[in-house]
Structures are given as structure tokens and as C-alpha cells.
């Protein structure tokens, strides 16, 4: 099945309300809406945006530079009617064994009404193009164990589950505590 017509581009500053809405829709899908702390202001200060009306493709990202304070980029996908249908919010990572950069996909979301049209695959293809264009080593992401439809979709495009690895996280009070352990 050929994908439905769409446009993919890097997010611009004026897209922040759309990005926040998509984040909230994803959190609602994951039954975690109350956990969303992102605001328009925090997104504006942490995403590297494309300039207005500038060409920015995955193989030639034309965005503000990424940095420790602006580590992320966001691809937006618009359906054939130029309505926002999905996003891929990502940042760069590094493989010590390969000595190459890669992309970590923090969030991939396609609105439920826009699913089964090839949009999720299109976003992943665009990210893969960026990794290949930069001679990167990998594209990786996490998926909730209960999200069987997504797991099956990812496997269908060639992704491998990393079952030997366990995700670890330190956040909130635990992060503060860890940061002060040797003080």
C-alpha cells in the first residue's frame, strides 16, 4: 500500500502549540496525561527550530544548532490537507563501540485518525535518512511493553527488540539526590 500524500518538515517556532498538543495527545494515549510538564515556553527553549520558510530536510537539517540547552529537533508530518498528523521528536546520541553518532527517537506519534496511512513509517524513513546522511551508526527508541500494535509495526519495518537490555532512569528527587551524593 502506497503511503497517503503528506509533507514532512522540521518544526518552526510557530509550530510550538501544535507540538505541545501532539505531546498531550500522546500522553493521553499512554494514560499519562497528568505527567506532562512541557509548556510552550519550555519547548521554545529546548528544541532547535528551523527558520521560517527555510528548506530543512532530514539529509540537510537547517535548524538552530543543537546544544546542551537545545538538544532536540522535531519533525512534523502534515497530511494532504496540510493538517498536523504526527511528529517525531528526537535528539542525537553516540555509540562508543561504533564511534558514531546516531539518533534517539524520544517520541513518535501519529494521531489515531491518521494511522494506517503510512505516516509513522514515513517519519521513521526520514529519521533513517538523516542517520545515513551523517554516516551515523543507529536509530533507536523505546516502546511501552503493552503497546503491541506499535511493537508489531516496528518489527514489520525491520526494528529489533533489545530484550537483553533493561531501561534505567534517574529523575526528579532521585536525580537531585544522586547529584549531591559526594557533596
N, C-alpha and C. Protein backbone atom coordinates (compact mmCIF):
# COMPACT_ATOMS: atom_id res chain seq x y z
N UNK A 1 0.83 -1.19 0.00
CA UNK A 1 0.00 0.00 0.00
C UNK A 1 0.87 1.24 0.00
N UNK A 2 0.66 2.14 -0.94
CA UNK A 2 1.42 3.38 -1.01
C UNK A 2 0.96 4.32 0.10
N UNK A 3 1.92 5.06 0.69
CA UNK A 3 1.52 5.99 1.75
C UNK A 3 0.66 7.12 1.20
N UNK A 4 -0.18 7.63 2.06
CA UNK A 4 -1.01 8.78 1.72
C UNK A 4 -0.12 10.00 1.55
N UNK A 5 -0.51 10.91 0.67
CA UNK A 5 0.28 12.13 0.44
C UNK A 5 0.43 12.91 1.74
N UNK A 6 1.65 13.40 1.95
CA UNK A 6 1.91 14.18 3.15
C UNK A 6 3.16 15.02 2.93
N UNK A 7 3.41 15.92 3.87
CA UNK A 7 4.60 16.75 3.88
C UNK A 7 5.28 16.57 5.23
N UNK A 8 6.60 16.41 5.21
CA UNK A 8 7.37 16.31 6.44
C UNK A 8 8.40 17.43 6.43
N UNK A 9 8.49 18.14 7.56
CA UNK A 9 9.49 19.21 7.69
C UNK A 9 9.88 19.37 9.15
N UNK A 10 11.03 20.02 9.36
CA UNK A 10 11.43 20.33 10.72
C UNK A 10 10.52 21.42 11.29
N UNK A 11 10.25 21.32 12.56
CA UNK A 11 9.36 22.27 13.22
C UNK A 11 9.97 23.66 13.25
N UNK A 12 9.09 24.64 13.19
CA UNK A 12 9.45 26.06 13.32
C UNK A 12 8.86 26.58 14.63
N UNK A 13 9.32 27.72 15.06
CA UNK A 13 8.84 28.27 16.33
C UNK A 13 7.31 28.39 16.37
N UNK A 14 6.71 28.75 15.27
CA UNK A 14 5.25 28.91 15.27
C UNK A 14 4.50 27.57 15.41
N UNK A 15 5.22 26.47 15.32
CA UNK A 15 4.62 25.14 15.46
C UNK A 15 4.51 24.68 16.91
N UNK A 16 5.04 25.45 17.84
CA UNK A 16 5.08 25.00 19.24
C UNK A 16 3.70 24.63 19.78
N UNK A 17 2.63 25.40 19.55
CA UNK A 17 1.33 24.95 20.06
C UNK A 17 0.92 23.58 19.49
N UNK A 18 1.23 23.33 18.24
CA UNK A 18 0.92 22.03 17.63
C UNK A 18 1.74 20.92 18.28
N UNK A 19 3.03 21.17 18.50
CA UNK A 19 3.89 20.17 19.14
C UNK A 19 3.36 19.84 20.53
N UNK A 20 3.02 20.86 21.30
CA UNK A 20 2.51 20.62 22.65
C UNK A 20 1.19 19.84 22.60
N UNK A 21 0.34 20.15 21.66
CA UNK A 21 -0.92 19.40 21.53
C UNK A 21 -0.65 17.94 21.19
N UNK A 22 0.28 17.68 20.29
CA UNK A 22 0.62 16.30 19.94
C UNK A 22 1.24 15.56 21.13
N UNK A 23 2.07 16.24 21.90
CA UNK A 23 2.64 15.64 23.11
C UNK A 23 1.52 15.26 24.08
N UNK A 24 0.56 16.15 24.24
CA UNK A 24 -0.55 15.87 25.16
C UNK A 24 -1.41 14.71 24.64
N UNK A 25 -1.62 14.63 23.34
CA UNK A 25 -2.39 13.53 22.77
C UNK A 25 -1.64 12.20 22.96
N UNK A 26 -0.32 12.22 22.79
CA UNK A 26 0.47 11.01 23.03
C UNK A 26 0.38 10.60 24.50
N UNK A 27 0.53 11.55 25.39
CA UNK A 27 0.45 11.24 26.83
C UNK A 27 -0.93 10.69 27.19
N UNK A 28 -1.96 11.21 26.59
CA UNK A 28 -3.31 10.69 26.84
C UNK A 28 -3.43 9.25 26.33
N UNK A 29 -2.86 8.97 25.16
CA UNK A 29 -2.86 7.61 24.61
C UNK A 29 -2.14 6.64 25.55
N UNK A 30 -1.07 7.13 26.19
CA UNK A 30 -0.29 6.30 27.11
C UNK A 30 -0.82 6.35 28.55
N UNK A 31 -1.97 6.98 28.74
CA UNK A 31 -2.62 7.08 30.06
C UNK A 31 -1.73 7.83 31.05
N UNK A 32 -1.02 8.85 30.57
CA UNK A 32 -0.10 9.63 31.41
C UNK A 32 -0.28 11.13 31.22
N UNK A 33 -1.46 11.57 30.88
CA UNK A 33 -1.68 12.99 30.59
C UNK A 33 -1.28 13.88 31.77
N UNK A 34 -1.52 13.43 32.98
CA UNK A 34 -1.17 14.24 34.16
C UNK A 34 0.33 14.39 34.34
N UNK A 35 1.12 13.58 33.67
CA UNK A 35 2.58 13.64 33.81
C UNK A 35 3.23 14.68 32.90
N UNK A 36 2.47 15.27 31.98
CA UNK A 36 3.05 16.23 31.04
C UNK A 36 3.37 17.53 31.77
N UNK A 37 4.65 17.88 31.76
CA UNK A 37 5.11 19.13 32.34
C UNK A 37 5.53 20.13 31.27
N UNK A 38 5.63 19.69 30.03
CA UNK A 38 6.04 20.57 28.93
C UNK A 38 5.05 21.72 28.79
N UNK A 39 5.60 22.88 28.47
CA UNK A 39 4.79 24.06 28.18
C UNK A 39 5.31 24.65 26.87
N UNK A 40 4.60 25.59 26.32
CA UNK A 40 5.10 26.25 25.11
C UNK A 40 6.46 26.90 25.40
N UNK A 41 6.60 27.51 26.56
CA UNK A 41 7.87 28.17 26.90
C UNK A 41 9.02 27.17 27.00
N UNK A 42 8.78 26.02 27.63
CA UNK A 42 9.89 25.06 27.77
C UNK A 42 10.22 24.42 26.42
N UNK A 43 9.23 24.20 25.58
CA UNK A 43 9.52 23.68 24.24
C UNK A 43 10.31 24.69 23.42
N UNK A 44 9.92 25.96 23.50
CA UNK A 44 10.65 27.01 22.78
C UNK A 44 12.11 27.08 23.20
N UNK A 45 12.38 26.77 24.45
CA UNK A 45 13.75 26.91 24.95
C UNK A 45 14.58 25.63 24.82
N UNK A 46 13.99 24.52 24.37
CA UNK A 46 14.74 23.26 24.33
C UNK A 46 14.77 22.57 22.97
N UNK A 47 14.05 23.07 22.00
CA UNK A 47 14.05 22.48 20.65
C UNK A 47 14.81 23.39 19.70
N UNK A 48 15.63 22.80 18.85
CA UNK A 48 16.33 23.54 17.79
C UNK A 48 15.38 23.61 16.60
N UNK A 49 14.89 24.80 16.31
CA UNK A 49 13.87 25.00 15.28
C UNK A 49 14.47 25.41 13.94
N UNK A 50 13.73 25.11 12.88
CA UNK A 50 14.08 25.57 11.54
C UNK A 50 13.63 27.02 11.41
N UNK A 51 14.38 27.82 10.64
CA UNK A 51 13.93 29.19 10.40
C UNK A 51 12.64 29.20 9.59
N UNK A 52 11.88 30.26 9.71
CA UNK A 52 10.64 30.41 8.96
C UNK A 52 10.91 30.30 7.46
N UNK A 53 10.08 29.53 6.79
CA UNK A 53 10.12 29.38 5.33
C UNK A 53 11.47 28.91 4.79
N UNK A 54 12.27 28.25 5.62
CA UNK A 54 13.56 27.74 5.15
C UNK A 54 13.42 26.26 4.82
N UNK A 55 14.14 25.83 3.83
CA UNK A 55 14.18 24.41 3.48
C UNK A 55 15.00 23.69 4.53
N UNK A 56 14.45 22.64 5.09
CA UNK A 56 15.16 21.84 6.09
C UNK A 56 14.72 20.40 5.93
N UNK A 57 15.62 19.59 5.43
CA UNK A 57 15.30 18.19 5.19
C UNK A 57 16.11 17.31 6.14
N UNK A 58 15.70 16.07 6.32
CA UNK A 58 16.48 15.18 7.18
C UNK A 58 17.92 14.99 6.71
N UNK A 59 18.14 15.01 5.40
CA UNK A 59 19.52 14.83 4.93
C UNK A 59 20.31 16.14 4.99
N UNK A 60 19.63 17.26 5.17
CA UNK A 60 20.29 18.56 5.33
C UNK A 60 19.50 19.39 6.33
N UNK A 61 19.55 19.01 7.62
CA UNK A 61 18.78 19.76 8.62
C UNK A 61 19.25 21.21 8.70
N UNK A 62 18.35 22.12 8.47
CA UNK A 62 18.64 23.54 8.57
C UNK A 62 17.84 24.06 9.77
N UNK A 63 18.40 23.86 10.94
CA UNK A 63 17.76 24.31 12.17
C UNK A 63 18.77 25.09 12.99
N UNK A 64 18.28 25.67 14.06
CA UNK A 64 19.21 26.24 15.04
C UNK A 64 20.16 25.11 15.44
N UNK A 65 21.36 25.43 15.86
CA UNK A 65 22.27 24.36 16.28
C UNK A 65 21.73 23.66 17.53
N UNK A 66 21.95 22.36 17.59
CA UNK A 66 21.62 21.65 18.83
C UNK A 66 22.73 21.95 19.83
N UNK A 67 22.38 21.86 21.10
CA UNK A 67 23.33 22.18 22.17
C UNK A 67 22.81 21.54 23.45
N UNK A 68 23.58 21.59 24.54
CA UNK A 68 23.05 21.04 25.79
C UNK A 68 21.73 21.67 26.24
N UNK A 69 21.51 22.94 25.93
CA UNK A 69 20.24 23.56 26.33
C UNK A 69 19.15 23.41 25.27
N UNK A 70 19.52 23.10 24.04
CA UNK A 70 18.57 22.86 22.94
C UNK A 70 18.94 21.55 22.26
N UNK A 71 18.74 20.43 22.95
CA UNK A 71 19.24 19.16 22.41
C UNK A 71 18.35 18.51 21.36
N UNK A 72 17.12 18.93 21.24
CA UNK A 72 16.15 18.19 20.42
C UNK A 72 15.80 18.89 19.12
N UNK A 73 15.36 18.07 18.18
CA UNK A 73 14.74 18.54 16.94
C UNK A 73 13.39 17.84 16.82
N UNK A 74 12.53 18.38 16.00
CA UNK A 74 11.21 17.79 15.83
C UNK A 74 10.82 17.82 14.36
N UNK A 75 10.46 16.66 13.84
CA UNK A 75 9.87 16.58 12.50
C UNK A 75 8.37 16.59 12.66
N UNK A 76 7.70 17.38 11.85
CA UNK A 76 6.24 17.38 11.83
C UNK A 76 5.78 16.83 10.49
N UNK A 77 4.72 16.05 10.55
CA UNK A 77 4.12 15.49 9.34
C UNK A 77 2.74 16.08 9.18
N UNK A 78 2.48 16.61 7.99
CA UNK A 78 1.19 17.22 7.66
C UNK A 78 0.52 16.35 6.60
N UNK A 79 -0.77 16.07 6.80
CA UNK A 79 -1.50 15.24 5.84
C UNK A 79 -1.74 16.03 4.55
N UNK A 80 -2.41 15.43 3.62
CA UNK A 80 -2.67 16.07 2.32
C UNK A 80 -3.46 17.36 2.39
N UNK A 81 -4.15 17.59 3.51
CA UNK A 81 -4.89 18.84 3.69
C UNK A 81 -4.09 19.85 4.53
N UNK A 82 -2.80 19.61 4.68
CA UNK A 82 -1.90 20.46 5.45
C UNK A 82 -2.28 20.57 6.92
N UNK A 83 -2.90 19.52 7.45
CA UNK A 83 -3.21 19.48 8.88
C UNK A 83 -2.15 18.63 9.58
N UNK A 84 -1.72 19.05 10.78
CA UNK A 84 -0.72 18.25 11.50
C UNK A 84 -1.27 16.86 11.80
N UNK A 85 -0.53 15.84 11.40
CA UNK A 85 -0.97 14.46 11.59
C UNK A 85 -0.04 13.69 12.52
N UNK A 86 1.20 14.14 12.67
CA UNK A 86 2.13 13.41 13.52
C UNK A 86 3.44 14.13 13.71
N UNK A 87 4.26 13.56 14.58
CA UNK A 87 5.57 14.16 14.86
C UNK A 87 6.57 13.08 15.25
N UNK A 88 7.83 13.43 15.09
CA UNK A 88 8.94 12.64 15.59
C UNK A 88 9.87 13.62 16.30
N UNK A 89 9.95 13.50 17.61
CA UNK A 89 10.80 14.37 18.41
C UNK A 89 12.05 13.57 18.76
N UNK A 90 13.23 14.09 18.42
CA UNK A 90 14.45 13.28 18.52
C UNK A 90 15.65 14.11 18.95
N UNK A 91 16.71 13.40 19.31
CA UNK A 91 17.98 14.04 19.64
C UNK A 91 19.11 13.09 19.24
N UNK A 92 20.33 13.59 19.30
CA UNK A 92 21.47 12.79 18.88
C UNK A 92 22.06 12.03 20.06
N UNK A 93 22.52 10.83 19.77
CA UNK A 93 23.20 10.02 20.78
C UNK A 93 24.54 9.57 20.20
N UNK A 94 25.21 8.68 20.91
CA UNK A 94 26.54 8.27 20.48
C UNK A 94 26.78 6.82 20.85
N UNK A 95 27.35 6.07 19.93
CA UNK A 95 27.74 4.69 20.18
C UNK A 95 29.25 4.63 20.38
N UNK A 96 29.67 4.26 21.58
CA UNK A 96 31.11 4.16 21.83
C UNK A 96 31.72 3.00 21.05
N UNK A 97 31.04 1.90 20.91
CA UNK A 97 31.58 0.75 20.19
C UNK A 97 31.75 1.03 18.71
N UNK A 98 30.84 1.79 18.15
CA UNK A 98 30.93 2.12 16.72
C UNK A 98 31.67 3.43 16.49
N UNK A 99 31.82 4.22 17.57
CA UNK A 99 32.41 5.56 17.47
C UNK A 99 31.68 6.39 16.41
N UNK A 100 30.34 6.34 16.52
CA UNK A 100 29.50 7.08 15.58
C UNK A 100 28.31 7.67 16.32
N UNK A 101 27.85 8.79 15.80
CA UNK A 101 26.63 9.39 16.30
C UNK A 101 25.43 8.61 15.78
N UNK A 102 24.30 8.84 16.37
CA UNK A 102 23.05 8.25 15.93
C UNK A 102 21.91 9.14 16.36
N UNK A 103 20.72 8.65 16.19
CA UNK A 103 19.52 9.39 16.61
C UNK A 103 18.75 8.54 17.60
N UNK A 104 18.33 9.19 18.67
CA UNK A 104 17.40 8.57 19.61
C UNK A 104 16.05 9.25 19.40
N UNK A 105 15.07 8.45 19.04
CA UNK A 105 13.71 8.94 18.82
C UNK A 105 12.99 8.94 20.16
N UNK A 106 12.79 10.11 20.72
CA UNK A 106 12.14 10.22 22.02
C UNK A 106 10.65 9.93 21.91
N UNK A 107 10.02 10.51 20.92
CA UNK A 107 8.58 10.29 20.75
C UNK A 107 8.21 10.28 19.28
N UNK A 108 7.47 9.26 18.90
CA UNK A 108 6.85 9.17 17.58
C UNK A 108 5.37 9.09 17.84
N UNK A 109 4.62 9.98 17.22
CA UNK A 109 3.17 9.96 17.43
C UNK A 109 2.47 10.34 16.15
N UNK A 110 1.49 9.53 15.80
CA UNK A 110 0.58 9.83 14.69
C UNK A 110 -0.82 9.81 15.28
N UNK A 111 -1.57 10.84 15.01
CA UNK A 111 -2.93 10.93 15.54
C UNK A 111 -3.74 9.69 15.13
N UNK A 112 -4.56 9.17 16.05
CA UNK A 112 -5.33 7.95 15.73
C UNK A 112 -6.11 8.05 14.42
N UNK A 113 -6.67 9.21 14.12
CA UNK A 113 -7.45 9.36 12.88
C UNK A 113 -6.58 9.31 11.64
N UNK A 114 -5.27 9.42 11.81
CA UNK A 114 -4.34 9.45 10.68
C UNK A 114 -3.50 8.18 10.56
N UNK A 115 -3.77 7.20 11.40
CA UNK A 115 -2.98 5.96 11.38
C UNK A 115 -3.40 5.07 10.21
N UNK A 116 -2.54 4.11 9.90
CA UNK A 116 -2.75 3.16 8.79
C UNK A 116 -2.66 3.84 7.44
N UNK A 117 -1.97 4.97 7.37
CA UNK A 117 -1.79 5.69 6.11
C UNK A 117 -0.32 5.77 5.71
N UNK A 118 0.56 5.12 6.48
CA UNK A 118 1.98 5.15 6.18
C UNK A 118 2.73 6.31 6.81
N UNK A 119 2.07 7.10 7.66
CA UNK A 119 2.70 8.28 8.22
C UNK A 119 3.78 7.95 9.25
N UNK A 120 3.55 6.95 10.10
CA UNK A 120 4.58 6.55 11.06
C UNK A 120 5.82 6.06 10.34
N UNK A 121 5.61 5.24 9.33
CA UNK A 121 6.73 4.74 8.55
C UNK A 121 7.47 5.89 7.87
N UNK A 122 6.74 6.84 7.35
CA UNK A 122 7.37 7.99 6.67
C UNK A 122 8.27 8.75 7.63
N UNK A 123 7.80 8.98 8.86
CA UNK A 123 8.63 9.68 9.84
C UNK A 123 9.90 8.89 10.16
N UNK A 124 9.77 7.58 10.31
CA UNK A 124 10.95 6.75 10.58
C UNK A 124 11.90 6.73 9.39
N UNK A 125 11.38 6.70 8.18
CA UNK A 125 12.21 6.75 6.98
C UNK A 125 13.01 8.06 6.96
N UNK A 126 12.36 9.16 7.29
CA UNK A 126 13.06 10.46 7.28
C UNK A 126 14.18 10.48 8.32
N UNK A 127 13.93 9.91 9.49
CA UNK A 127 14.98 9.84 10.51
C UNK A 127 16.12 8.93 10.05
N UNK A 128 15.79 7.81 9.44
CA UNK A 128 16.81 6.90 8.93
C UNK A 128 17.66 7.60 7.86
N UNK A 129 17.04 8.40 7.03
CA UNK A 129 17.79 9.16 6.01
C UNK A 129 18.80 10.09 6.68
N UNK A 130 18.40 10.72 7.78
CA UNK A 130 19.34 11.62 8.46
C UNK A 130 20.51 10.84 9.05
N UNK A 131 20.23 9.69 9.65
CA UNK A 131 21.32 8.87 10.20
C UNK A 131 22.27 8.45 9.09
N UNK A 132 21.75 7.98 7.98
CA UNK A 132 22.58 7.54 6.86
C UNK A 132 23.37 8.72 6.29
N UNK A 133 22.72 9.88 6.12
CA UNK A 133 23.39 11.05 5.54
C UNK A 133 24.55 11.54 6.41
N UNK A 134 24.48 11.31 7.71
CA UNK A 134 25.56 11.75 8.61
C UNK A 134 26.53 10.62 8.93
N UNK A 135 26.42 9.50 8.20
CA UNK A 135 27.24 8.32 8.45
C UNK A 135 27.09 7.86 9.90
N UNK A 136 25.87 7.96 10.40
CA UNK A 136 25.59 7.56 11.77
C UNK A 136 25.53 6.06 11.94
N UNK A 137 25.46 5.64 13.19
CA UNK A 137 25.51 4.22 13.49
C UNK A 137 24.18 3.55 13.75
N UNK A 138 23.18 4.32 14.21
CA UNK A 138 21.92 3.66 14.53
C UNK A 138 20.81 4.67 14.80
N UNK A 139 19.61 4.16 14.66
CA UNK A 139 18.37 4.86 15.03
C UNK A 139 17.73 3.97 16.07
N UNK A 140 17.46 4.52 17.23
CA UNK A 140 16.86 3.70 18.28
C UNK A 140 15.79 4.46 19.05
N UNK A 141 14.94 3.68 19.73
CA UNK A 141 13.86 4.24 20.52
C UNK A 141 13.36 3.17 21.47
N UNK A 142 12.48 3.58 22.36
CA UNK A 142 11.84 2.65 23.29
C UNK A 142 10.35 2.63 23.01
N UNK A 143 9.73 1.53 23.37
CA UNK A 143 8.29 1.39 23.21
C UNK A 143 7.75 0.69 24.46
N UNK A 144 6.60 1.13 24.91
CA UNK A 144 5.99 0.51 26.08
C UNK A 144 5.65 -0.95 25.78
N UNK A 145 5.92 -1.82 26.74
CA UNK A 145 5.70 -3.25 26.53
C UNK A 145 4.25 -3.59 26.20
N UNK A 146 3.30 -2.82 26.70
CA UNK A 146 1.89 -3.10 26.44
C UNK A 146 1.43 -2.63 25.07
N UNK A 147 2.25 -1.86 24.37
CA UNK A 147 1.84 -1.26 23.11
C UNK A 147 2.10 -2.22 21.94
N UNK A 148 1.37 -3.32 21.93
CA UNK A 148 1.55 -4.37 20.91
C UNK A 148 1.39 -3.87 19.48
N UNK A 149 0.40 -2.99 19.19
CA UNK A 149 0.29 -2.54 17.80
C UNK A 149 1.57 -1.84 17.32
N UNK A 150 2.16 -1.02 18.18
CA UNK A 150 3.39 -0.33 17.79
C UNK A 150 4.54 -1.31 17.66
N UNK A 151 4.66 -2.25 18.59
CA UNK A 151 5.74 -3.23 18.53
C UNK A 151 5.66 -4.02 17.23
N UNK A 152 4.48 -4.46 16.86
CA UNK A 152 4.31 -5.20 15.60
C UNK A 152 4.67 -4.34 14.39
N UNK A 153 4.25 -3.08 14.43
CA UNK A 153 4.60 -2.17 13.34
C UNK A 153 6.11 -2.00 13.24
N UNK A 154 6.78 -1.76 14.36
CA UNK A 154 8.23 -1.57 14.34
C UNK A 154 8.94 -2.82 13.83
N UNK A 155 8.50 -3.97 14.26
CA UNK A 155 9.11 -5.21 13.78
C UNK A 155 8.89 -5.38 12.27
N UNK A 156 7.73 -4.93 11.78
CA UNK A 156 7.43 -5.08 10.35
C UNK A 156 8.34 -4.24 9.47
N UNK A 157 8.94 -3.19 10.03
CA UNK A 157 9.85 -2.36 9.22
C UNK A 157 11.31 -2.70 9.48
N UNK A 158 11.56 -3.77 10.25
CA UNK A 158 12.92 -4.24 10.45
C UNK A 158 13.57 -3.88 11.77
N UNK A 159 12.83 -3.30 12.70
CA UNK A 159 13.39 -2.98 14.02
C UNK A 159 13.52 -4.25 14.84
N UNK A 160 14.54 -4.30 15.67
CA UNK A 160 14.77 -5.44 16.55
C UNK A 160 14.54 -5.03 18.00
N UNK A 161 13.79 -5.84 18.73
CA UNK A 161 13.60 -5.59 20.16
C UNK A 161 14.92 -5.86 20.88
N UNK A 162 15.28 -4.98 21.78
CA UNK A 162 16.53 -5.10 22.55
C UNK A 162 16.21 -5.77 23.88
N UNK A 163 15.82 -7.04 23.84
CA UNK A 163 15.34 -7.74 25.03
C UNK A 163 16.42 -8.00 26.07
N UNK A 164 17.68 -7.92 25.68
CA UNK A 164 18.77 -8.15 26.64
C UNK A 164 19.07 -6.91 27.48
N UNK A 165 18.46 -5.80 27.13
CA UNK A 165 18.73 -4.54 27.82
C UNK A 165 17.55 -4.16 28.70
N UNK A 166 17.82 -3.51 29.80
CA UNK A 166 16.79 -3.00 30.69
C UNK A 166 16.94 -1.49 30.74
N UNK A 167 15.87 -0.78 30.50
CA UNK A 167 15.92 0.67 30.58
C UNK A 167 16.09 1.12 32.03
N UNK A 168 16.95 2.09 32.25
CA UNK A 168 17.19 2.62 33.58
C UNK A 168 16.97 4.13 33.54
N UNK A 169 16.52 4.68 34.66
CA UNK A 169 16.25 6.12 34.70
C UNK A 169 16.43 6.63 36.11
N UNK A 170 17.00 7.82 36.23
CA UNK A 170 17.03 8.57 37.48
C UNK A 170 16.40 9.91 37.15
N UNK A 171 15.35 10.30 37.87
CA UNK A 171 14.72 11.59 37.64
C UNK A 171 14.18 12.18 38.94
N UNK A 172 13.65 13.37 38.84
CA UNK A 172 13.05 14.10 39.97
C UNK A 172 13.95 14.08 41.20
N UNK A 173 13.41 13.67 42.33
CA UNK A 173 14.17 13.69 43.59
C UNK A 173 15.37 12.76 43.54
N UNK A 174 15.25 11.64 42.84
CA UNK A 174 16.37 10.73 42.72
C UNK A 174 17.56 11.36 42.01
N UNK A 175 17.29 12.19 41.01
CA UNK A 175 18.36 12.88 40.29
C UNK A 175 19.05 13.89 41.19
N UNK A 176 18.26 14.65 41.91
CA UNK A 176 18.83 15.63 42.86
C UNK A 176 19.67 14.94 43.91
N UNK A 177 19.16 13.83 44.42
CA UNK A 177 19.89 13.08 45.44
C UNK A 177 21.19 12.54 44.87
N UNK A 178 21.16 11.96 43.67
CA UNK A 178 22.37 11.42 43.06
C UNK A 178 23.38 12.53 42.80
N UNK A 179 22.94 13.67 42.33
CA UNK A 179 23.84 14.78 42.04
C UNK A 179 24.56 15.28 43.29
N UNK A 180 23.95 15.10 44.45
CA UNK A 180 24.56 15.58 45.68
C UNK A 180 25.23 14.52 46.52
N UNK A 181 25.38 13.30 46.01
CA UNK A 181 25.91 12.20 46.81
C UNK A 181 27.31 12.43 47.32
N UNK A 182 28.15 13.10 46.59
CA UNK A 182 29.53 13.27 47.03
C UNK A 182 29.79 14.65 47.65
N UNK A 183 28.76 15.43 47.83
CA UNK A 183 28.93 16.76 48.43
C UNK A 183 29.16 16.66 49.92
